[in-house]
Amino acid sequence: MKPLGPIPSGYAMIAGQLAVSGKTAEELVALAGSTPAFVYSGQLIRRRVGEVLAALPPRVALHYAVKANPFGPVLELMSGLVDGFDIASAGELALALAAGVAPDRISFAGPGKRDAELEAAIVAGVTLNLESEGEASRALGIAERLGITPKLAIRVNPDFDLKGSGMKMGGGAKPFGIDAARVPELARRLVASGVDWRGFHIFAGSQALDAAAIAQTQAQTIDLAARLADQAGVALPHCNLGGGFGIPYFPGDEPLDLQQVGSALGERMENLPDVLRETQFCIELGRYLVGEAGIYLTRIVDRKESHGEVFLVADGGLHHQLAASGNFGTVVRRNYPVAIASQFDEPAAETASVVGCLCTPLDRLAEKGHFPHADVGDLVAVFCAGAYGASASPAAFLGHGAAREIMV
């Protein structure tokens, strides 16, 4: 047997079934129309955003990273909850605008922005976080041709990373941002050119559960921003401190101590260098705001045994939940939190693997987990499916198509 990850708080049980926002798993499937389906809880999203805002010092704004979950109803909900939105493509720009997000609340980061994307951002009036000197030159040229004053910031590749993060975004050679040593010269060039100078974007890593490590990185980020602004001799109107707040996925993971992070950041905000006295700050969170608010429901279509092992074959799989299958950046496969949603109140009675419908041995949603006895027709729930699920998985693989998505 291999242990399953921890089920997030906030979920209920009705008539023996997993329930979300007062609806049973079967009722949710009926709302979605079929399985497989992603279900996102607006109630849990609101709760998490409220917790973050309560922990953050008043001076620090909250941005939502659209890449975590770009589902239209999620963006519409977030529009009334957070201060800003961070995007990484023209496609996400279009989604944010369609959800009613004002352009002056949007910033656009990501390497490899094409000229058409730069132009769309400049025309819309969003902030461009420049990833290289070459991108800066292209943006300035496009803005001059259009006769528009662009909103430009510099994404900094810091000379440190977020310790213990699942994905390191800074420190050493990186495709993201401009090495810190080269930032002051570019900042002076941008300010001299007359752009609407928006400051720095500094993102050191993601998916960290260590509050002390996050606090240390935030302190380092603030120190770096001050040093670079001093060296450049320019004011710093805004600084995106990045994010990195993780959620528990695997056995043994412990939730992030949000209060510790907020308290440390509050103390730092009270002792800022003079060059940052007028700077507006924000943090950028995606997974932490929506990850635990989503589940993936898939129905068992076959039960079989092979060499003494039980396999519960579902109508979903890695084409919708690549991360849960262990094929999205993990080195050693570990089980996500998974449960038999239609028997949520039943005790574990057997060891079984939940596998998907794809013709590949990689398609495993849970490996040798301890579950109640389940059979054809039962529903399986994969938790922590609110981020990097539907939009980060190969839905076209083997032609099975995308899963349904609903928000309740």
Protein backbone atom coordinates (compact mmCIF):
# COMPACT_ATOMS: atom_id res chain seq x y z
CA MET A 1 0.00 0.00 0.00
CA LYS A 2 1.12 3.56 -0.79
CA PRO A 3 -0.33 6.39 1.31
CA LEU A 4 -2.65 8.97 -0.23
CA GLY A 5 -2.15 12.71 0.08
CA PRO A 6 -4.11 14.76 2.64
CA ILE A 7 -7.66 15.77 1.71
CA PRO A 8 -8.02 19.57 2.03
CA SER A 9 -10.34 21.05 4.61
CA GLY A 10 -13.70 22.50 3.61
CA TYR A 11 -15.30 19.45 2.03
CA ALA A 12 -18.44 17.85 3.44
CA MET A 13 -20.41 14.64 3.24
CA ILE A 14 -24.11 14.27 2.38
CA ALA A 15 -25.86 10.89 2.30
CA GLY A 16 -22.51 9.14 2.37
CA GLN A 17 -21.16 11.04 -0.63
CA LEU A 18 -18.52 13.72 -0.96
CA ALA A 19 -20.28 17.08 -1.14
CA VAL A 20 -19.22 20.49 -2.43
CA SER A 21 -21.22 23.64 -1.69
CA GLY A 22 -24.17 21.58 -0.50
CA LYS A 23 -24.29 19.28 -3.54
CA THR A 24 -23.36 15.60 -3.58
CA ALA A 25 -20.88 14.19 -6.06
CA GLU A 26 -23.69 12.69 -8.14
CA GLU A 27 -25.55 16.01 -8.17
CA LEU A 28 -22.38 17.75 -9.29
CA VAL A 29 -21.94 15.29 -12.14
CA ALA A 30 -25.55 15.92 -13.17
CA LEU A 31 -24.84 19.67 -13.21
CA ALA A 32 -21.73 19.13 -15.30
CA GLY A 33 -23.58 16.82 -17.68
CA SER A 34 -21.20 13.87 -17.50
CA THR A 35 -17.89 12.64 -16.19
CA PRO A 36 -15.03 13.42 -16.20
CA ALA A 37 -15.61 16.86 -14.71
CA PHE A 38 -13.74 19.52 -12.79
CA VAL A 39 -15.73 21.18 -10.02
CA TYR A 40 -14.54 24.44 -8.47
CA SER A 41 -15.99 25.77 -5.23
CA GLY A 42 -16.57 29.51 -5.19
CA GLN A 43 -17.07 29.30 -1.44
CA LEU A 44 -13.64 27.76 -0.88
CA ILE A 45 -11.97 30.27 -3.22
CA ARG A 46 -13.55 33.15 -1.32
CA ARG A 47 -12.46 31.63 1.98
CA ARG A 48 -8.85 31.26 0.88
CA VAL A 49 -8.63 34.76 -0.60
CA GLY A 50 -10.07 36.14 2.64
CA GLU A 51 -7.47 34.28 4.67
CA VAL A 52 -4.65 35.66 2.55
CA LEU A 53 -5.93 39.24 2.68
CA ALA A 54 -6.32 39.00 6.46
CA ALA A 55 -2.73 37.79 6.83
CA LEU A 56 -1.10 40.29 4.47
CA PRO A 57 -0.03 43.74 5.63
CA PRO A 58 -2.35 46.45 4.21
CA ARG A 59 0.40 47.82 1.99
CA VAL A 60 0.74 44.57 0.02
CA ALA A 61 -1.81 43.96 -2.72
CA LEU A 62 -2.90 40.53 -3.92
CA HIS A 63 -2.65 39.43 -7.56
CA TYR A 64 -4.06 36.27 -9.14
CA ALA A 65 -1.81 34.28 -11.49
CA VAL A 66 -4.20 33.33 -14.31
CA LYS A 67 -2.10 30.37 -15.45
CA ALA A 68 -3.19 28.43 -12.35
CA ASN A 69 -6.80 28.29 -13.56
CA PRO A 70 -8.07 30.44 -16.45
CA PHE A 71 -11.68 29.14 -16.36
CA GLY A 72 -13.97 32.09 -17.15
CA PRO A 73 -16.21 31.87 -14.04
CA VAL A 74 -13.11 31.63 -11.84
CA LEU A 75 -11.70 34.81 -13.41
CA GLU A 76 -15.03 36.58 -13.01
CA LEU A 77 -15.15 35.62 -9.34
CA MET A 78 -11.54 36.67 -8.81
CA SER A 79 -12.20 40.04 -10.42
CA GLY A 80 -14.18 41.04 -7.35
CA LEU A 81 -11.76 39.53 -4.85
CA VAL A 82 -8.18 40.43 -5.80
CA ASP A 83 -6.34 43.60 -6.75
CA GLY A 84 -4.64 42.50 -9.94
CA PHE A 85 -4.10 39.73 -12.47
CA ASP A 86 -0.86 38.32 -13.83
CA ILE A 87 -0.95 36.73 -17.27
CA ALA A 88 1.60 34.92 -19.45
CA SER A 89 0.18 35.04 -23.00
CA ALA A 90 -2.08 36.98 -25.34
CA GLY A 91 -4.57 34.16 -24.91
CA GLU A 92 -4.74 34.78 -21.17
CA LEU A 93 -5.00 38.51 -21.86
CA ALA A 94 -8.09 37.86 -23.98
CA LEU A 95 -9.60 35.65 -21.26
CA ALA A 96 -8.99 38.24 -18.55
CA LEU A 97 -10.49 41.04 -20.62
CA ALA A 98 -13.49 38.85 -21.50
CA ALA A 99 -14.03 38.26 -17.78
CA GLY A 100 -14.32 42.02 -17.27
CA VAL A 101 -10.88 42.65 -15.78
CA ALA A 102 -9.75 46.23 -16.37
CA PRO A 103 -6.45 46.48 -18.32
CA ASP A 104 -4.81 48.61 -15.64
CA ARG A 105 -5.15 45.63 -13.25
CA ILE A 106 -3.23 43.27 -15.55
CA SER A 107 0.50 42.61 -15.90
CA PHE A 108 2.03 40.36 -18.57
CA ALA A 109 5.14 38.26 -17.87
CA GLY A 110 6.73 35.33 -19.67
CA PRO A 111 9.69 34.76 -21.99
CA GLY A 112 9.22 34.59 -25.74
CA LYS A 113 6.49 37.19 -26.16
CA ARG A 114 5.84 37.59 -29.87
CA ASP A 115 5.52 41.02 -31.47
CA ALA A 116 1.77 40.53 -31.86
CA GLU A 117 1.51 39.83 -28.12
CA LEU A 118 3.58 42.89 -27.22
CA GLU A 119 1.39 45.02 -29.48
CA ALA A 120 -1.83 43.61 -28.01
CA ALA A 121 -0.61 44.38 -24.51
CA ILE A 122 0.51 47.90 -25.38
CA VAL A 123 -2.76 48.67 -27.16
CA ALA A 124 -4.80 47.28 -24.27
CA GLY A 125 -2.81 49.28 -21.73
CA VAL A 126 -1.55 46.43 -19.55
CA THR A 127 1.86 46.40 -17.86
CA LEU A 128 4.55 44.45 -19.72
CA ASN A 129 7.15 42.72 -17.54
CA LEU A 130 10.16 42.70 -19.84
CA GLU A 131 12.20 39.49 -19.90
CA SER A 132 15.25 40.69 -21.87
CA GLU A 133 16.90 43.73 -23.38
CA GLY A 134 15.80 42.49 -26.79
CA GLU A 135 12.18 42.34 -25.70
CA ALA A 136 12.55 45.85 -24.32
CA SER A 137 13.81 47.13 -27.67
CA ARG A 138 10.95 45.46 -29.52
CA ALA A 139 8.36 46.86 -27.10
CA LEU A 140 9.78 50.37 -27.42
CA GLY A 141 9.77 50.13 -31.20
CA ILE A 142 6.18 48.89 -31.33
CA ALA A 143 5.03 51.61 -28.93
CA GLU A 144 6.73 54.30 -31.01
CA ARG A 145 5.07 53.00 -34.19
CA LEU A 146 1.67 53.00 -32.49
CA GLY A 147 2.17 56.38 -30.83
CA ILE A 148 1.32 54.90 -27.41
CA THR A 149 3.21 55.36 -24.15
CA PRO A 150 3.71 51.78 -22.93
CA LYS A 151 3.54 50.57 -19.33
CA LEU A 152 6.82 48.74 -18.81
CA ALA A 153 8.41 46.92 -15.90
CA ILE A 154 11.49 44.71 -15.69
CA ARG A 155 11.33 41.11 -14.64
CA VAL A 156 14.45 40.52 -12.59
CA ASN A 157 16.29 37.20 -12.47
CA PRO A 158 17.39 37.34 -8.82
CA ASP A 159 20.72 35.95 -7.69
CA PHE A 160 18.90 33.67 -5.20
CA ASP A 161 16.05 31.17 -5.30
CA LEU A 162 13.24 30.13 -2.98
CA LYS A 163 14.63 27.37 -0.77
CA GLY A 164 12.55 24.22 -0.79
CA SER A 165 10.41 25.37 -3.72
CA GLY A 166 9.03 22.79 -6.11
CA MET A 167 9.99 24.94 -9.08
CA LYS A 168 12.87 27.39 -8.91
CA MET A 169 12.31 30.54 -10.98
CA GLY A 170 15.44 32.48 -10.03
CA GLY A 171 19.12 32.11 -9.21
CA GLY A 172 21.70 31.17 -11.83
CA ALA A 173 21.08 30.92 -15.55
CA LYS A 174 17.36 31.16 -16.27
CA PRO A 175 15.17 31.90 -19.30
CA PHE A 176 13.08 34.14 -17.04
CA GLY A 177 13.89 37.77 -16.51
CA ILE A 178 17.03 39.85 -16.78
CA ASP A 179 20.04 39.07 -14.61
CA ALA A 180 20.09 41.44 -11.65
CA ALA A 181 23.46 42.92 -12.57
CA ARG A 182 22.09 44.21 -15.89
CA VAL A 183 18.84 45.65 -14.55
CA PRO A 184 19.99 49.17 -13.49
CA GLU A 185 21.20 50.08 -16.97
CA LEU A 186 17.97 48.95 -18.60
CA ALA A 187 15.88 50.73 -15.98
CA ARG A 188 17.68 54.01 -16.69
CA ARG A 189 17.16 53.49 -20.42
CA LEU A 190 13.43 52.89 -20.03
CA VAL A 191 12.87 55.87 -17.76
CA ALA A 192 14.88 58.12 -20.10
CA SER A 193 12.77 56.99 -23.05
CA GLY A 194 9.63 58.37 -21.41
CA VAL A 195 7.70 55.15 -20.84
CA ASP A 196 5.18 54.71 -18.05
CA TRP A 197 7.74 53.11 -15.75
CA ARG A 198 6.11 50.44 -13.57
CA GLY A 199 9.08 48.95 -11.64
CA PHE A 200 10.19 45.37 -10.97
CA HIS A 201 8.75 41.86 -11.07
CA ILE A 202 10.88 39.44 -9.00
CA PHE A 203 9.78 35.79 -8.75
CA ALA A 204 12.19 33.34 -7.11
CA GLY A 205 10.22 30.09 -6.93
CA SER A 206 6.90 28.34 -6.45
CA GLN A 207 5.14 25.58 -4.44
CA ALA A 208 6.94 26.06 -1.13
CA LEU A 209 5.45 24.96 2.20
CA ASP A 210 8.20 26.38 4.43
CA ALA A 211 7.01 29.70 5.86
CA ALA A 212 10.48 30.67 7.05
CA ALA A 213 11.92 30.10 3.57
CA ILE A 214 9.20 32.23 1.98
CA ALA A 215 9.74 35.00 4.51
CA GLN A 216 13.48 34.92 3.90
CA THR A 217 12.96 35.11 0.14
CA GLN A 218 10.56 38.03 0.48
CA ALA A 219 13.12 39.88 2.60
CA GLN A 220 15.83 39.16 0.03
CA THR A 221 13.53 40.33 -2.75
CA ILE A 222 12.85 43.63 -1.00
CA ASP A 223 16.58 44.15 -0.38
CA LEU A 224 17.33 43.39 -4.04
CA ALA A 225 14.65 45.79 -5.27
CA ALA A 226 16.08 48.55 -3.10
CA ARG A 227 19.64 47.90 -4.24
CA LEU A 228 18.70 47.88 -7.93
CA ALA A 229 16.60 51.03 -7.62
CA ASP A 230 19.51 52.77 -5.85
CA GLN A 231 21.98 51.65 -8.51
CA ALA A 232 19.66 52.75 -11.30
CA GLY A 233 18.94 56.08 -9.65
CA VAL A 234 15.22 55.78 -10.44
CA ALA A 235 12.10 55.69 -8.32
CA LEU A 236 10.37 52.34 -7.99
CA PRO A 237 6.61 52.79 -8.32
CA HIS A 238 5.74 49.11 -8.03
CA CYS A 239 7.35 45.82 -7.05
CA ASN A 240 5.83 42.38 -7.56
CA LEU A 241 7.35 40.19 -4.84
CA GLY A 242 6.31 36.95 -6.56
CA GLY A 243 4.48 34.21 -4.73
CA GLY A 244 5.58 30.68 -4.07
CA PHE A 245 2.93 29.71 -1.49
CA GLY A 246 2.44 25.96 -1.76
CA ILE A 247 -0.40 23.57 -0.92
CA PRO A 248 -0.11 20.03 0.49
CA TYR A 249 -0.38 17.40 -2.24
CA PHE A 250 1.47 14.38 -0.91
CA PRO A 251 1.63 12.21 2.21
CA GLY A 252 3.56 14.02 4.93
CA ASP A 253 3.03 17.51 3.48
CA GLU A 254 2.01 20.10 6.08
CA PRO A 255 0.01 23.25 5.26
CA LEU A 256 1.88 26.52 4.93
CA ASP A 257 1.85 28.70 8.06
CA LEU A 258 0.22 31.72 6.40
CA GLN A 259 0.23 33.80 9.58
CA GLN A 260 3.99 33.42 9.93
CA VAL A 261 4.51 34.62 6.36
CA GLY A 262 2.18 37.57 6.81
CA SER A 263 3.68 38.58 10.14
CA ALA A 264 7.24 38.55 8.79
CA LEU A 265 6.24 40.55 5.72
CA GLY A 266 4.40 43.06 7.88
CA GLU A 267 7.51 43.63 10.00
CA ARG A 268 9.57 44.11 6.85
CA MET A 269 7.09 46.64 5.48
CA GLU A 270 7.52 48.72 8.61
CA ASN A 271 11.29 48.94 8.06
CA LEU A 272 11.72 49.67 4.36
CA PRO A 273 14.73 51.43 2.88
CA ASP A 274 14.12 55.07 1.93
CA VAL A 275 14.18 54.28 -1.79
CA LEU A 276 11.10 52.07 -1.32
CA ARG A 277 9.06 54.41 0.88
CA GLU A 278 6.60 55.20 -1.94
CA THR A 279 6.69 51.80 -3.64
CA GLN A 280 3.49 49.80 -4.05
CA PHE A 281 3.95 46.08 -3.41
CA CYS A 282 2.02 42.99 -4.38
CA ILE A 283 2.33 39.25 -4.15
CA GLU A 284 1.26 36.96 -6.97
CA LEU A 285 -0.57 33.74 -6.10
CA GLY A 286 -2.33 31.17 -8.24
CA ARG A 287 -2.22 27.63 -6.95
CA TYR A 288 -2.58 28.76 -3.33
CA LEU A 289 -5.84 30.58 -4.07
CA VAL A 290 -7.60 27.97 -6.19
CA GLY A 291 -5.76 24.64 -5.97
CA GLU A 292 -7.55 23.17 -2.98
CA ALA A 293 -10.91 24.57 -4.11
CA GLY A 294 -11.19 22.14 -7.03
CA ILE A 295 -11.91 18.43 -7.44
CA TYR A 296 -11.81 16.17 -10.48
CA LEU A 297 -14.63 13.63 -10.66
CA THR A 298 -14.28 10.53 -12.80
CA ARG A 299 -16.46 7.40 -12.91
CA ILE A 300 -15.24 3.82 -12.63
CA VAL A 301 -16.10 1.95 -15.84
CA ASP A 302 -14.33 -1.32 -15.08
CA ARG A 303 -12.92 -3.26 -12.15
CA LYS A 304 -10.27 -5.84 -12.85
CA GLU A 305 -7.54 -7.89 -11.21
CA SER A 306 -4.10 -8.61 -12.59
CA HIS A 307 -1.52 -10.74 -10.79
CA GLY A 308 -3.38 -10.20 -7.54
CA GLU A 309 -3.65 -6.40 -7.88
CA VAL A 310 -6.95 -4.53 -8.15
CA PHE A 311 -7.35 -1.88 -10.84
CA LEU A 312 -10.25 0.58 -10.85
CA VAL A 313 -10.45 1.80 -14.43
CA ALA A 314 -11.97 5.28 -14.74
CA ASP A 315 -13.28 7.32 -17.66
CA GLY A 316 -10.80 10.11 -16.89
CA GLY A 317 -7.05 10.15 -16.54
CA LEU A 318 -3.79 11.97 -17.10
CA HIS A 319 -5.16 13.79 -20.15
CA HIS A 320 -7.07 15.91 -17.62
CA GLN A 321 -4.98 15.47 -14.47
CA LEU A 322 -1.40 15.19 -15.66
CA ALA A 323 0.03 16.30 -12.31
CA ALA A 324 -1.92 13.73 -10.30
CA SER A 325 -0.53 11.01 -12.56
CA GLY A 326 2.99 12.03 -11.53
CA ASN A 327 3.99 13.26 -14.99
CA PHE A 328 4.14 17.01 -14.38
CA GLY A 329 7.60 17.66 -13.01
CA THR A 330 7.78 15.16 -10.15
CA VAL A 331 10.79 12.85 -9.96
CA VAL A 332 9.31 10.19 -7.67
CA ARG A 333 5.62 9.43 -8.16
CA ARG A 334 3.54 9.97 -5.00
CA ASN A 335 -0.22 9.84 -4.60
CA TYR A 336 -2.38 12.94 -4.62
CA PRO A 337 -5.35 13.00 -2.25
CA VAL A 338 -7.88 10.68 -3.91
CA ALA A 339 -11.13 9.23 -2.54
CA ILE A 340 -14.13 7.19 -3.63
CA ALA A 341 -16.57 10.10 -3.74
CA SER A 342 -19.69 7.96 -3.84
CA GLN A 343 -18.58 6.06 -0.71
CA PHE A 344 -17.01 8.93 1.16
CA ASP A 345 -18.18 7.64 4.53
CA GLU A 346 -16.99 4.06 4.06
CA PRO A 347 -13.78 2.81 5.71
CA ALA A 348 -10.87 1.63 3.62
CA ALA A 349 -11.15 -2.08 2.86
CA GLU A 350 -8.74 -2.88 0.04
CA THR A 351 -5.64 -1.79 -1.80
CA ALA A 352 -6.35 -0.68 -5.36
CA SER A 353 -4.91 1.47 -8.12
CA VAL A 354 -7.09 4.01 -9.88
CA VAL A 355 -6.08 4.10 -13.54
CA GLY A 356 -7.37 6.12 -16.46
CA CYS A 357 -8.73 5.24 -19.86
CA LEU A 358 -5.57 5.97 -21.87
CA CYS A 359 -3.49 3.26 -23.48
CA THR A 360 -0.31 4.04 -21.56
CA PRO A 361 1.09 2.72 -18.25
CA LEU A 362 1.67 6.34 -17.20
CA ASP A 363 -2.07 6.84 -16.73
CA ARG A 364 -2.42 6.26 -12.98
CA LEU A 365 -4.40 8.61 -10.76
CA ALA A 366 -3.64 6.65 -7.58
CA GLU A 367 -1.18 3.81 -7.13
CA LYS A 368 -1.90 1.07 -4.59
CA GLY A 369 -3.98 3.30 -2.36
CA HIS A 370 -6.18 2.12 0.51
CA PHE A 371 -9.84 2.57 -0.51
CA PRO A 372 -13.33 1.29 0.30
CA HIS A 373 -14.39 -1.55 -1.98
CA ALA A 374 -15.37 0.22 -5.22
CA ASP A 375 -17.00 -1.06 -8.35
CA VAL A 376 -18.31 -0.01 -11.75
CA GLY A 377 -20.41 3.15 -11.41
CA ASP A 378 -18.67 4.55 -8.36
CA LEU A 379 -17.23 8.07 -8.56
CA VAL A 380 -13.59 8.85 -7.82
CA ALA A 381 -12.54 12.31 -6.62
CA VAL A 382 -9.05 13.68 -7.15
CA PHE A 383 -8.48 16.65 -4.84
CA CYS A 384 -6.20 19.68 -5.28
CA ALA A 385 -7.53 19.86 -8.84
CA GLY A 386 -8.30 23.57 -8.88
CA ALA A 387 -4.91 24.56 -10.26
CA TYR A 388 -2.85 23.19 -13.15
CA GLY A 389 -5.45 20.58 -13.99
CA ALA A 390 -7.67 21.19 -17.01
CA SER A 391 -5.42 23.80 -18.63
CA ALA A 392 -2.09 22.09 -17.89
CA SER A 393 -2.93 18.60 -19.15
CA PRO A 394 -2.87 17.10 -22.67
CA ALA A 395 -6.64 16.99 -23.23
CA ALA A 396 -6.20 16.08 -26.92
CA PHE A 397 -4.07 13.01 -26.18
CA LEU A 398 -5.65 9.90 -27.73
CA GLY A 399 -8.70 11.90 -28.75
CA HIS A 400 -10.74 11.61 -25.56
CA GLY A 401 -11.31 15.37 -25.38
CA ALA A 402 -11.57 17.89 -22.60
CA ALA A 403 -13.33 17.41 -19.28
CA ARG A 404 -16.37 19.42 -18.29
CA GLU A 405 -15.75 22.35 -15.94
CA ILE A 406 -18.26 23.94 -13.57
CA MET A 407 -18.13 26.30 -10.61
CA VAL A 408 -20.58 26.01 -7.73
